[in-house]
C-alpha atoms as a PDB file:
ATOM      1  CA  VAL A   1      10.976 -20.635  12.527  1.00  0.00           C
ATOM      2  CA  CYS A   2      13.270 -17.730  11.748  1.00  0.00           C
ATOM      3  CA  VAL A   3      17.024 -17.934  11.853  1.00  0.00           C
ATOM      4  CA  CYS A   4      18.192 -15.047  13.957  1.00  0.00           C
ATOM      5  CA  VAL A   5      21.387 -13.799  12.384  1.00  0.00           C
ATOM      6  CA  CYS A   6      21.786 -11.392  15.258  1.00  0.00           C
ATOM      7  CA  HIS A   7      22.388 -14.148  17.783  1.00  0.00           C
ATOM      8  CA  SER A   8      24.553 -16.629  15.899  1.00  0.00           C
ATOM      9  CA  THR A   9      22.939 -19.818  14.653  1.00  0.00           C
ATOM     10  CA  THR A  10      20.344 -20.086  17.381  1.00  0.00           C
ATOM     11  CA  LYS A  11      16.895 -20.505  15.943  1.00  0.00           C
ATOM     12  CA  CYS A  12      14.064 -18.438  17.266  1.00  0.00           C
ATOM     13  CA  ALA A  13      10.674 -20.099  17.363  1.00  0.00           C
ATOM     14  CA  CYS A  14       8.917 -16.762  17.530  1.00  0.00           C
ATOM     15  CA  VAL A  15       7.552 -16.510  13.998  1.00  0.00           C
ATOM     16  CA  GLY A  16       4.552 -18.536  13.035  1.00  0.00           C
ATOM     17  CA  HIS A  17       3.784 -19.807  16.495  1.00  0.00           C
ATOM     18  CA  GLY A  18       1.688 -16.914  17.768  1.00  0.00           C
ATOM     19  CA  THR A  19       4.273 -15.916  20.342  1.00  0.00           C
ATOM     20  CA  THR A  20       6.001 -12.594  20.778  1.00  0.00           C
ATOM     21  CA  GLN A  21       9.208 -12.236  18.825  1.00  0.00           C
ATOM     22  CA  CYS A  22      12.461 -12.451  20.682  1.00  0.00           C
ATOM     23  CA  VAL A  23      14.263  -9.249  21.576  1.00  0.00           C
ATOM     24  CA  TRP A  24      16.961  -9.819  18.954  1.00  0.00           C
ATOM     25  CA  CYS A  25      14.394 -10.144  16.164  1.00  0.00           C
ATOM     26  CA  ARG A  26      12.517  -7.065  17.358  1.00  0.00           C
ATOM     27  CA  ARG A  27      15.737  -5.044  17.431  1.00  0.00           C
ATOM     28  CA  ARG A  28      16.708  -6.154  13.924  1.00  0.00           C
ATOM     29  CA  GLU A  29      13.250  -5.448  12.537  1.00  0.00           C
ATOM     30  CA  PHE A  30      13.082  -2.031  14.206  1.00  0.00           C
ATOM     31  CA  ARG A  31      16.435  -1.161  12.663  1.00  0.00           C
ATOM     32  CA  GLU A  32      15.008  -2.197   9.270  1.00  0.00           C
ATOM     33  CA  LEU A  33      12.002   0.035   9.917  1.00  0.00           C
ATOM     34  CA  CYS A  34      14.307   2.982  10.598  1.00  0.00           C
ATOM     35  CA  SER A  35      16.076   2.405   7.294  1.00  0.00           C
ATOM     36  CA  GLU A  36      12.727   2.257   5.460  1.00  0.00           C
ATOM     37  CA  THR A  37      11.447   5.507   6.972  1.00  0.00           C
ATOM     38  CA  ARG A  38      11.926   8.355   4.505  1.00  0.00           C
ATOM     39  CA  VAL A  39      11.600  11.145   7.070  1.00  0.00           C
ATOM     40  CA  ILE A  40      14.850   9.904   8.685  1.00  0.00           C
ATOM     41  CA  SER A  41      17.853  11.144   6.708  1.00  0.00           C
ATOM     42  CA  HIS A  42      21.439  12.293   7.084  1.00  0.00           C
ATOM     43  CA  LYS A  43      19.969  15.690   8.066  1.00  0.00           C
ATOM     44  CA  SER A  44      17.934  14.313  10.976  1.00  0.00           C
ATOM     45  CA  HIS A  45      20.740  14.640  13.517  1.00  0.00           C
ATOM     46  CA  GLU A  46      21.219  18.340  12.826  1.00  0.00           C
ATOM     47  CA  LEU A  47      17.465  18.974  12.755  1.00  0.00           C
ATOM     48  CA  MET A  48      17.019  17.282  16.127  1.00  0.00           C
ATOM     49  CA  GLU A  49      19.892  19.276  17.630  1.00  0.00           C
ATOM     50  CA  ASP A  50      18.285  22.549  16.533  1.00  0.00           C
ATOM     51  CA  GLU A  51      16.237  24.123  19.350  1.00  0.00           C
ATOM     52  CA  ASP A  52      13.574  25.433  16.974  1.00  0.00           C
ATOM     53  CA  SER A  53      13.016  22.384  14.774  1.00  0.00           C
ATOM     54  CA  GLY A  54      14.254  19.580  17.043  1.00  0.00           C
ATOM     55  CA  HIS A  55      10.950  18.707  18.671  1.00  0.00           C
ATOM     56  CA  ILE A  56       9.061  19.035  15.406  1.00  0.00           C
ATOM     57  CA  HIS A  57      11.371  16.668  13.535  1.00  0.00           C
ATOM     58  CA  SER A  58      11.414  14.233  16.452  1.00  0.00           C
ATOM     59  CA  ASP A  59       7.599  14.224  16.450  1.00  0.00           C
ATOM     60  CA  GLU A  60       7.569  13.630  12.675  1.00  0.00           C
ATOM     61  CA  ILE A  61       9.877  10.644  13.071  1.00  0.00           C
ATOM     62  CA  ASN A  62       7.884   9.171  15.953  1.00  0.00           C
ATOM     63  CA  HIS A  63       4.632   9.669  14.041  1.00  0.00           C
ATOM     64  CA  ALA A  64       6.049   7.922  10.951  1.00  0.00           C
ATOM     65  CA  LEU A  65       7.481   5.059  12.994  1.00  0.00           C
ATOM     66  CA  GLY A  66       4.462   4.794  15.279  1.00  0.00           C
ATOM     67  CA  ASN A  67       2.243   3.644  12.427  1.00  0.00           C
ATOM     68  CA  ASP A  68       4.226   0.422  12.080  1.00  0.00           C
ATOM     69  CA  LYS A  69       3.866  -2.792  14.057  1.00  0.00           C
ATOM     70  CA  ARG A  70       7.650  -3.055  14.465  1.00  0.00           C
ATOM     71  CA  TYR A  71       7.625   0.192  16.481  1.00  0.00           C
ATOM     72  CA  SER A  72       4.881  -0.951  18.832  1.00  0.00           C
ATOM     73  CA  GLU A  73       6.595  -4.307  19.341  1.00  0.00           C
ATOM     74  CA  MET A  74       9.438  -2.388  20.983  1.00  0.00           C
ATOM     75  CA  ALA A  75       7.072  -0.753  23.509  1.00  0.00           C
ATOM     76  CA  SER A  76       8.235  -3.057  26.294  1.00  0.00           C
ATOM     77  CA  ILE A  77      11.804  -1.805  25.859  1.00  0.00           C
ATOM     78  CA  PRO A  78      11.461   1.903  24.974  1.00  0.00           C
ATOM     79  CA  GLU A  79      15.035   2.718  26.049  1.00  0.00           C
ATOM     80  CA  GLU A  80      16.354   0.170  23.568  1.00  0.00           C
ATOM     81  CA  ARG A  81      14.079   1.537  20.843  1.00  0.00           C
ATOM     82  CA  ASP A  82      15.357   5.077  21.472  1.00  0.00           C
ATOM     83  CA  LYS A  83      18.963   3.855  21.502  1.00  0.00           C
ATOM     84  CA  ILE A  84      18.589   2.055  18.159  1.00  0.00           C
ATOM     85  CA  LEU A  85      16.936   5.111  16.608  1.00  0.00           C
ATOM     86  CA  THR A  86      19.577   7.496  17.955  1.00  0.00           C
ATOM     87  CA  GLU A  87      22.424   5.264  16.767  1.00  0.00           C
ATOM     88  CA  TYR A  88      20.843   4.948  13.324  1.00  0.00           C
ATOM     89  CA  ILE A  89      20.403   8.730  12.992  1.00  0.00           C
ATOM     90  CA  LEU A  90      23.999   9.324  14.106  1.00  0.00           C
ATOM     91  CA  GLU A  91      25.240   6.721  11.614  1.00  0.00           C
ATOM     92  CA  LEU A  92      23.412   8.470   8.763  1.00  0.00           C
ATOM     93  CA  HIS A  93      24.812  11.816   9.889  1.00  0.00           C
ATOM     94  CA  GLN A  94      28.353  10.450   9.845  1.00  0.00           C
ATOM     95  CA  LYS A  95      27.903   8.926   6.373  1.00  0.00           C
ATOM     96  CA  GLY A  96      26.622  12.188   4.953  1.00  0.00           C
ATOM     97  CA  PRO A  97      24.294  12.498   1.992  1.00  0.00           C
ATOM     98  CA  PRO A  98      23.783   9.436  -0.193  1.00  0.00           C
ATOM     99  CA  PRO A  99      25.201   9.456  -3.697  1.00  0.00           C
ATOM    100  CA  PRO A 100      22.917  10.781  -6.422  1.00  0.00           C
ATOM    101  CA  PRO A 101      20.798   8.099  -8.099  1.00  0.00           C
ATOM    102  CA  THR A 102      22.557   8.779 -11.388  1.00  0.00           C
ATOM    103  CA  ALA A 103      26.004   7.952  -9.997  1.00  0.00           C
ATOM    104  CA  SER A 104      27.502   5.100 -11.991  1.00  0.00           C
ATOM    105  CA  ASN A 105      29.746   3.836  -9.196  1.00  0.00           C
ATOM    106  CA  ARG A 106      27.787   3.955  -5.954  1.00  0.00           C
ATOM    107  CA  ASP A 107      29.569   3.973  -2.640  1.00  0.00           C
ATOM    108  CA  SER A 108      29.281   0.568  -0.965  1.00  0.00           C
ATOM    109  CA  THR A 109      28.585   2.182   2.436  1.00  0.00           C
ATOM    110  CA  TRP A 110      25.119   3.168   1.216  1.00  0.00           C
ATOM    111  CA  ARG A 111      23.924  -0.317   0.326  1.00  0.00           C
END
């Protein structure tokens, strides 16, 4: 049983019982996948807006994400998957580049 932090204290019996995960768990895990995907960066928004490189970068992202189970688990709700991805890319764009790894006092927004 997993405790779904995304929908208060309700417990989700999706893990370990051979059933499909609930929508809230799938959304949270897909968001985690986006944050783990190196091809997605603060530059992704601008690259996707560019007419020349937009489709190429979008294909790179989808290829990288498509190799993960968390991506395919969102297949039943592709609009939601696209929304989460778009929001994540926009959030990275608004934050700007992460601090250099040698920075002694890292910005808490990048944790």
